[in-house]
């Protein structure tokens, strides 16, 4: 199911390539296969669009997780507030507060670690996709140059 956000970032590769075909239609260079160049460009554009989509989905997942963390924090603050108003000696309350602060700090660090891992994973996936396409692009260029040499 496509969301409005997904639709907003969809990139029409065909439209872009049609425009490229029009621009390069009369462009004739001996030994250069314009169709191969256009095919390579199509793959480049598709790779960039896919990498952008991966990055966007990763950021959406991070934002969703941040909202979940915020909801959990609000619920926990409410619970902590109730527990601190319960009867007890000042020493018991101070010990309880110290324990709660320690737990909150540890939970915050865990949440920060989780979010940073999510961002790193998303960035890595997008980078890997672009890196793969870059390598393919160099292979295609080498093949075109070898064909032009013959």
N, C-alpha and C. Protein backbone atom coordinates (compact mmCIF):
# COMPACT_ATOMS: atom_id res chain seq x y z
N UNK A 1 0.84 -1.18 0.00
CA UNK A 1 0.00 0.00 0.00
C UNK A 1 0.88 1.24 0.00
N UNK A 2 0.73 2.09 -0.97
CA UNK A 2 1.54 3.30 -1.08
C UNK A 2 0.94 4.40 -0.23
N UNK A 3 1.81 5.07 0.46
CA UNK A 3 1.35 6.21 1.25
C UNK A 3 1.59 7.48 0.45
N UNK A 4 1.07 8.58 0.97
CA UNK A 4 1.29 9.85 0.29
C UNK A 4 2.77 10.17 0.22
N UNK A 5 3.51 9.82 1.29
CA UNK A 5 4.94 10.08 1.31
C UNK A 5 5.64 9.28 0.23
N UNK A 6 5.26 7.99 0.07
CA UNK A 6 5.86 7.16 -0.97
C UNK A 6 5.62 7.78 -2.34
N UNK A 7 4.40 8.21 -2.58
CA UNK A 7 4.05 8.77 -3.88
C UNK A 7 4.80 10.08 -4.13
N UNK A 8 5.02 10.83 -3.11
CA UNK A 8 5.71 12.11 -3.25
C UNK A 8 7.13 11.92 -3.77
N UNK A 9 7.78 10.82 -3.38
CA UNK A 9 9.17 10.61 -3.74
C UNK A 9 9.35 9.61 -4.88
N UNK A 10 8.27 9.14 -5.49
CA UNK A 10 8.41 8.27 -6.65
C UNK A 10 9.03 9.09 -7.77
N UNK A 11 9.95 8.46 -8.48
CA UNK A 11 10.65 9.13 -9.57
C UNK A 11 10.30 8.39 -10.85
N UNK A 12 9.81 9.11 -11.83
CA UNK A 12 9.40 8.50 -13.09
C UNK A 12 10.62 8.39 -14.00
N UNK A 13 11.26 7.22 -13.96
CA UNK A 13 12.46 6.98 -14.74
C UNK A 13 12.15 7.05 -16.23
N UNK A 14 11.01 6.52 -16.63
CA UNK A 14 10.65 6.51 -18.05
C UNK A 14 10.56 7.93 -18.61
N UNK A 15 9.94 8.81 -17.86
CA UNK A 15 9.81 10.19 -18.31
C UNK A 15 11.20 10.83 -18.47
N UNK A 16 12.05 10.59 -17.50
CA UNK A 16 13.41 11.13 -17.56
C UNK A 16 14.15 10.57 -18.77
N UNK A 17 14.04 9.27 -18.99
CA UNK A 17 14.75 8.64 -20.10
C UNK A 17 14.20 9.09 -21.45
N UNK A 18 12.90 9.32 -21.55
CA UNK A 18 12.33 9.85 -22.79
C UNK A 18 12.91 11.21 -23.12
N UNK A 19 13.07 12.03 -22.11
CA UNK A 19 13.68 13.34 -22.31
C UNK A 19 15.13 13.21 -22.75
N UNK A 20 15.84 12.25 -22.15
CA UNK A 20 17.23 12.00 -22.54
C UNK A 20 17.30 11.51 -23.99
N UNK A 21 16.38 10.63 -24.38
CA UNK A 21 16.34 10.13 -25.76
C UNK A 21 16.13 11.28 -26.74
N UNK A 22 15.23 12.20 -26.40
CA UNK A 22 14.97 13.35 -27.28
C UNK A 22 16.22 14.21 -27.43
N UNK A 23 16.89 14.45 -26.31
CA UNK A 23 18.09 15.30 -26.35
C UNK A 23 19.21 14.64 -27.14
N UNK A 24 19.35 13.33 -26.99
CA UNK A 24 20.46 12.63 -27.64
C UNK A 24 20.08 12.00 -28.98
N UNK A 25 18.86 12.20 -29.41
CA UNK A 25 18.38 11.58 -30.65
C UNK A 25 19.23 11.91 -31.85
N UNK A 26 19.65 13.14 -31.98
CA UNK A 26 20.45 13.57 -33.13
C UNK A 26 21.95 13.54 -32.82
N UNK A 27 22.29 13.15 -31.64
CA UNK A 27 23.69 13.13 -31.21
C UNK A 27 24.36 11.88 -31.76
N UNK A 28 25.21 12.05 -32.74
CA UNK A 28 25.89 10.92 -33.37
C UNK A 28 27.40 11.11 -33.25
N UNK A 29 28.05 10.19 -32.58
CA UNK A 29 29.50 10.19 -32.48
C UNK A 29 29.97 8.83 -32.97
N UNK A 30 30.86 8.80 -33.93
CA UNK A 30 31.33 7.52 -34.44
C UNK A 30 31.91 6.66 -33.32
N UNK A 31 31.52 5.41 -33.30
CA UNK A 31 32.03 4.47 -32.30
C UNK A 31 31.32 4.51 -30.97
N UNK A 32 30.36 5.40 -30.79
CA UNK A 32 29.63 5.49 -29.52
C UNK A 32 28.22 4.96 -29.73
N UNK A 33 27.88 3.97 -28.94
CA UNK A 33 26.55 3.37 -28.99
C UNK A 33 25.64 4.16 -28.05
N UNK A 34 24.86 5.04 -28.63
CA UNK A 34 23.99 5.91 -27.84
C UNK A 34 23.01 5.08 -27.01
N UNK A 35 22.52 4.00 -27.57
CA UNK A 35 21.58 3.14 -26.82
C UNK A 35 22.23 2.57 -25.57
N UNK A 36 23.50 2.17 -25.67
CA UNK A 36 24.21 1.65 -24.50
C UNK A 36 24.39 2.74 -23.45
N UNK A 37 24.71 3.93 -23.91
CA UNK A 37 24.87 5.06 -22.98
C UNK A 37 23.55 5.34 -22.27
N UNK A 38 22.46 5.36 -23.06
CA UNK A 38 21.15 5.62 -22.46
C UNK A 38 20.75 4.51 -21.49
N UNK A 39 21.04 3.28 -21.85
CA UNK A 39 20.73 2.15 -20.97
C UNK A 39 21.50 2.27 -19.66
N UNK A 40 22.74 2.64 -19.76
CA UNK A 40 23.56 2.83 -18.57
C UNK A 40 23.02 3.95 -17.70
N UNK A 41 22.62 5.04 -18.34
CA UNK A 41 22.05 6.17 -17.60
C UNK A 41 20.74 5.78 -16.92
N UNK A 42 19.94 4.98 -17.60
CA UNK A 42 18.70 4.51 -17.00
C UNK A 42 19.00 3.73 -15.72
N UNK A 43 19.97 2.85 -15.78
CA UNK A 43 20.34 2.07 -14.60
C UNK A 43 20.87 2.97 -13.49
N UNK A 44 21.62 4.02 -13.86
CA UNK A 44 22.12 4.96 -12.86
C UNK A 44 20.97 5.67 -12.15
N UNK A 45 20.04 6.15 -12.93
CA UNK A 45 18.89 6.88 -12.36
C UNK A 45 18.07 5.94 -11.49
N UNK A 46 17.86 4.72 -11.95
CA UNK A 46 17.10 3.75 -11.16
C UNK A 46 17.81 3.44 -9.84
N UNK A 47 19.13 3.33 -9.88
CA UNK A 47 19.90 3.05 -8.66
C UNK A 47 19.80 4.21 -7.67
N UNK A 48 19.91 5.42 -8.17
CA UNK A 48 19.80 6.59 -7.28
C UNK A 48 18.39 6.68 -6.69
N UNK A 49 17.38 6.43 -7.51
CA UNK A 49 16.00 6.46 -7.02
C UNK A 49 15.79 5.38 -5.95
N UNK A 50 16.33 4.19 -6.19
CA UNK A 50 16.19 3.11 -5.21
C UNK A 50 16.94 3.43 -3.92
N UNK A 51 18.13 4.02 -4.03
CA UNK A 51 18.89 4.39 -2.84
C UNK A 51 18.16 5.47 -2.05
N UNK A 52 17.58 6.43 -2.75
CA UNK A 52 16.79 7.47 -2.07
C UNK A 52 15.59 6.87 -1.36
N UNK A 53 14.95 5.91 -2.00
CA UNK A 53 13.80 5.26 -1.38
C UNK A 53 14.22 4.51 -0.13
N UNK A 54 15.36 3.79 -0.20
CA UNK A 54 15.87 3.09 0.98
C UNK A 54 16.16 4.07 2.12
N UNK A 55 16.80 5.17 1.78
CA UNK A 55 17.13 6.17 2.80
C UNK A 55 15.87 6.76 3.42
N UNK A 56 14.89 7.05 2.59
CA UNK A 56 13.63 7.61 3.09
C UNK A 56 12.92 6.61 4.00
N UNK A 57 12.86 5.36 3.58
CA UNK A 57 12.21 4.34 4.41
C UNK A 57 12.94 4.17 5.74
N UNK A 58 14.27 4.25 5.69
CA UNK A 58 15.05 4.16 6.93
C UNK A 58 14.75 5.30 7.88
N UNK A 59 14.67 6.50 7.33
CA UNK A 59 14.37 7.66 8.18
C UNK A 59 12.94 7.60 8.73
N UNK A 60 12.01 7.08 7.92
CA UNK A 60 10.64 6.92 8.40
C UNK A 60 10.61 5.92 9.55
N UNK A 61 11.39 4.85 9.45
CA UNK A 61 11.45 3.85 10.53
C UNK A 61 12.04 4.46 11.79
N UNK A 62 13.06 5.30 11.63
CA UNK A 62 13.66 5.97 12.80
C UNK A 62 12.65 6.90 13.45
N UNK A 63 11.94 7.68 12.64
CA UNK A 63 10.94 8.60 13.20
C UNK A 63 9.82 7.84 13.91
N UNK A 64 9.41 6.72 13.34
CA UNK A 64 8.37 5.90 13.97
C UNK A 64 8.86 5.37 15.31
N UNK A 65 10.10 4.91 15.34
CA UNK A 65 10.66 4.38 16.59
C UNK A 65 10.81 5.50 17.63
N UNK A 66 11.21 6.69 17.19
CA UNK A 66 11.31 7.81 18.12
C UNK A 66 9.95 8.13 18.74
N UNK A 67 8.90 8.06 17.95
CA UNK A 67 7.55 8.31 18.47
C UNK A 67 7.18 7.25 19.50
N UNK A 68 7.53 5.99 19.22
CA UNK A 68 7.26 4.91 20.17
C UNK A 68 8.01 5.14 21.48
N UNK A 69 9.27 5.55 21.37
CA UNK A 69 10.07 5.82 22.56
C UNK A 69 9.46 6.96 23.36
N UNK A 70 9.00 7.99 22.68
CA UNK A 70 8.36 9.11 23.36
C UNK A 70 7.12 8.66 24.12
N UNK A 71 6.28 7.82 23.46
CA UNK A 71 5.08 7.31 24.13
C UNK A 71 5.46 6.49 25.37
N UNK A 72 6.46 5.65 25.25
CA UNK A 72 6.91 4.85 26.39
C UNK A 72 7.40 5.74 27.52
N UNK A 73 8.13 6.77 27.17
CA UNK A 73 8.67 7.69 28.17
C UNK A 73 7.55 8.40 28.91
N UNK A 74 6.55 8.85 28.19
CA UNK A 74 5.42 9.54 28.83
C UNK A 74 4.70 8.58 29.79
N UNK A 75 4.49 7.34 29.36
CA UNK A 75 3.85 6.35 30.23
C UNK A 75 4.69 6.08 31.47
N UNK A 76 6.01 5.97 31.30
CA UNK A 76 6.89 5.70 32.42
C UNK A 76 6.95 6.87 33.40
N UNK A 77 6.92 8.08 32.89
CA UNK A 77 6.94 9.26 33.76
C UNK A 77 5.70 9.26 34.64
N UNK A 78 4.58 8.91 34.06
CA UNK A 78 3.33 8.84 34.83
C UNK A 78 3.44 7.80 35.94
N UNK A 79 3.97 6.64 35.60
CA UNK A 79 4.13 5.57 36.59
C UNK A 79 5.11 5.96 37.68
N UNK A 80 6.22 6.59 37.28
CA UNK A 80 7.23 7.01 38.25
C UNK A 80 6.66 8.07 39.19
N UNK A 81 5.91 8.99 38.64
CA UNK A 81 5.30 10.03 39.48
C UNK A 81 4.41 9.43 40.56
N UNK A 82 3.65 8.42 40.19
CA UNK A 82 2.77 7.76 41.17
C UNK A 82 3.59 7.03 42.23
N UNK A 83 4.65 6.35 41.81
CA UNK A 83 5.45 5.59 42.78
C UNK A 83 6.20 6.49 43.75
N UNK A 84 6.55 7.69 43.31
CA UNK A 84 7.28 8.60 44.19
C UNK A 84 6.37 9.27 45.23
N UNK A 85 5.08 9.26 45.00
CA UNK A 85 4.16 9.87 45.96
C UNK A 85 3.68 8.87 47.01
N UNK A 86 4.10 7.62 46.88
CA UNK A 86 3.70 6.60 47.85
C UNK A 86 4.40 6.86 49.18
N UNK A 87 3.82 6.33 50.22
CA UNK A 87 4.38 6.52 51.56
C UNK A 87 5.73 5.82 51.67
N UNK A 88 6.57 6.34 52.53
CA UNK A 88 7.87 5.75 52.77
C UNK A 88 8.79 6.76 53.44
N UNK A 89 9.89 6.27 53.93
CA UNK A 89 10.85 7.16 54.59
C UNK A 89 11.59 7.97 53.53
N UNK A 90 12.16 9.09 53.94
CA UNK A 90 12.94 9.88 52.98
C UNK A 90 14.09 9.07 52.36
N UNK A 91 14.71 8.19 53.16
CA UNK A 91 15.80 7.37 52.64
C UNK A 91 15.29 6.39 51.58
N UNK A 92 14.11 5.80 51.82
CA UNK A 92 13.52 4.88 50.85
C UNK A 92 13.20 5.61 49.54
N UNK A 93 12.65 6.82 49.69
CA UNK A 93 12.31 7.61 48.50
C UNK A 93 13.57 8.00 47.72
N UNK A 94 14.63 8.40 48.43
CA UNK A 94 15.89 8.77 47.77
C UNK A 94 16.48 7.56 47.05
N UNK A 95 16.43 6.40 47.68
CA UNK A 95 16.95 5.18 47.05
C UNK A 95 16.13 4.84 45.80
N UNK A 96 14.82 4.99 45.92
CA UNK A 96 13.94 4.72 44.78
C UNK A 96 14.23 5.68 43.64
N UNK A 97 14.40 6.97 43.96
CA UNK A 97 14.70 7.96 42.93
C UNK A 97 16.03 7.65 42.24
N UNK A 98 17.02 7.25 43.01
CA UNK A 98 18.33 6.90 42.45
C UNK A 98 18.19 5.71 41.50
N UNK A 99 17.43 4.73 41.91
CA UNK A 99 17.20 3.55 41.07
C UNK A 99 16.48 3.94 39.77
N UNK A 100 15.47 4.79 39.89
CA UNK A 100 14.73 5.22 38.70
C UNK A 100 15.59 6.03 37.74
N UNK A 101 16.44 6.89 38.26
CA UNK A 101 17.33 7.69 37.42
C UNK A 101 18.30 6.76 36.68
N UNK A 102 18.84 5.77 37.39
CA UNK A 102 19.77 4.82 36.78
C UNK A 102 19.07 4.06 35.64
N UNK A 103 17.87 3.58 35.89
CA UNK A 103 17.11 2.84 34.87
C UNK A 103 16.80 3.72 33.66
N UNK A 104 16.42 4.96 33.92
CA UNK A 104 16.11 5.89 32.83
C UNK A 104 17.35 6.17 31.99
N UNK A 105 18.49 6.34 32.65
CA UNK A 105 19.74 6.60 31.94
C UNK A 105 20.11 5.40 31.06
N UNK A 106 20.03 4.21 31.61
CA UNK A 106 20.36 3.00 30.85
C UNK A 106 19.41 2.81 29.66
N UNK A 107 18.14 3.08 29.88
CA UNK A 107 17.14 2.96 28.81
C UNK A 107 17.40 4.00 27.71
N UNK A 108 17.78 5.20 28.12
CA UNK A 108 18.09 6.25 27.14
C UNK A 108 19.29 5.86 26.28
N UNK A 109 20.32 5.33 26.91
CA UNK A 109 21.48 4.88 26.15
C UNK A 109 21.12 3.75 25.18
N UNK A 110 20.31 2.82 25.64
CA UNK A 110 19.88 1.71 24.77
C UNK A 110 19.07 2.24 23.59
N UNK A 111 18.18 3.19 23.84
CA UNK A 111 17.38 3.77 22.77
C UNK A 111 18.25 4.53 21.77
N UNK A 112 19.22 5.28 22.28
CA UNK A 112 20.12 6.01 21.40
C UNK A 112 20.93 5.04 20.53
N UNK A 113 21.39 3.96 21.13
CA UNK A 113 22.15 2.95 20.40
C UNK A 113 21.27 2.33 19.31
N UNK A 114 20.04 1.99 19.65
CA UNK A 114 19.12 1.39 18.69
C UNK A 114 18.87 2.33 17.50
N UNK A 115 18.61 3.60 17.80
CA UNK A 115 18.35 4.56 16.73
C UNK A 115 19.57 4.77 15.84
N UNK A 116 20.74 4.85 16.45
CA UNK A 116 21.95 5.06 15.64
C UNK A 116 22.23 3.83 14.78
N UNK A 117 21.94 2.64 15.28
CA UNK A 117 22.10 1.42 14.48
C UNK A 117 21.11 1.38 13.32
N UNK A 118 19.90 1.86 13.55
CA UNK A 118 18.91 1.92 12.48
C UNK A 118 19.38 2.86 11.37
N UNK A 119 19.89 4.03 11.75
CA UNK A 119 20.38 5.00 10.77
C UNK A 119 21.57 4.42 10.01
N UNK A 120 22.50 3.80 10.73
CA UNK A 120 23.68 3.23 10.09
C UNK A 120 23.29 2.13 9.10
N UNK A 121 22.33 1.29 9.47
CA UNK A 121 21.89 0.21 8.59
C UNK A 121 21.26 0.79 7.31
N UNK A 122 20.40 1.77 7.48
CA UNK A 122 19.75 2.41 6.33
C UNK A 122 20.78 3.04 5.40
N UNK A 123 21.72 3.78 5.97
CA UNK A 123 22.76 4.42 5.16
C UNK A 123 23.63 3.38 4.46
N UNK A 124 23.94 2.31 5.15
CA UNK A 124 24.77 1.26 4.57
C UNK A 124 24.08 0.59 3.39
N UNK A 125 22.79 0.32 3.53
CA UNK A 125 22.04 -0.30 2.43
C UNK A 125 22.01 0.60 1.21
N UNK A 126 21.76 1.88 1.42
CA UNK A 126 21.72 2.82 0.30
C UNK A 126 23.11 2.95 -0.34
N UNK A 127 24.14 3.04 0.47
CA UNK A 127 25.50 3.15 -0.05
C UNK A 127 25.89 1.89 -0.83
N UNK A 128 25.56 0.71 -0.29
CA UNK A 128 25.89 -0.54 -0.98
C UNK A 128 25.23 -0.59 -2.35
N UNK A 129 23.99 -0.15 -2.43
CA UNK A 129 23.29 -0.15 -3.71
C UNK A 129 23.99 0.77 -4.72
N UNK A 130 24.36 1.96 -4.28
CA UNK A 130 25.05 2.90 -5.17
C UNK A 130 26.46 2.41 -5.53
N UNK A 131 27.13 1.82 -4.58
CA UNK A 131 28.47 1.29 -4.83
C UNK A 131 28.42 0.17 -5.88
N UNK A 132 27.42 -0.70 -5.76
CA UNK A 132 27.26 -1.78 -6.73
C UNK A 132 27.02 -1.20 -8.13
N UNK A 133 26.16 -0.20 -8.21
CA UNK A 133 25.86 0.41 -9.52
C UNK A 133 27.09 1.11 -10.09
N UNK A 134 27.86 1.75 -9.24
CA UNK A 134 29.07 2.43 -9.70
C UNK A 134 30.04 1.42 -10.31
N UNK A 135 30.21 0.29 -9.66
CA UNK A 135 31.08 -0.77 -10.18
C UNK A 135 30.55 -1.28 -11.52
N UNK A 136 29.25 -1.50 -11.60
CA UNK A 136 28.65 -1.94 -12.86
C UNK A 136 28.86 -0.89 -13.95
N UNK A 137 28.75 0.36 -13.58
CA UNK A 137 28.92 1.46 -14.53
C UNK A 137 30.33 1.44 -15.12
N UNK A 138 31.33 1.22 -14.29
CA UNK A 138 32.70 1.15 -14.78
C UNK A 138 32.89 -0.04 -15.72
N UNK A 139 32.27 -1.17 -15.38
CA UNK A 139 32.33 -2.34 -16.26
C UNK A 139 31.68 -2.05 -17.62
N UNK A 140 30.53 -1.40 -17.58
CA UNK A 140 29.84 -1.04 -18.82
C UNK A 140 30.68 -0.07 -19.65
N UNK A 141 31.30 0.89 -19.00
CA UNK A 141 32.14 1.84 -19.71
C UNK A 141 33.31 1.13 -20.37
N UNK A 142 33.94 0.23 -19.65
CA UNK A 142 35.05 -0.54 -20.21
C UNK A 142 34.60 -1.31 -21.45
N UNK A 143 33.43 -1.94 -21.36
CA UNK A 143 32.90 -2.70 -22.51
C UNK A 143 32.62 -1.79 -23.70
N UNK A 144 32.05 -0.62 -23.45
CA UNK A 144 31.78 0.32 -24.54
C UNK A 144 33.08 0.78 -25.20
N UNK A 145 34.10 1.04 -24.39
CA UNK A 145 35.37 1.47 -24.95
C UNK A 145 36.02 0.37 -25.77
N UNK A 146 35.90 -0.86 -25.30
CA UNK A 146 36.46 -1.99 -26.05
C UNK A 146 35.74 -2.18 -27.36
N UNK A 147 34.41 -2.00 -27.36
CA UNK A 147 33.62 -2.13 -28.61
C UNK A 147 34.00 -1.02 -29.59
N UNK A 148 34.19 0.19 -29.07
CA UNK A 148 34.52 1.34 -29.92
C UNK A 148 35.91 1.16 -30.53
N UNK A 149 36.79 0.46 -29.85
CA UNK A 149 38.15 0.24 -30.31
C UNK A 149 38.18 -0.68 -31.54
N UNK A 150 37.20 -1.59 -31.60
CA UNK A 150 37.18 -2.60 -32.67
C UNK A 150 36.73 -2.05 -33.98
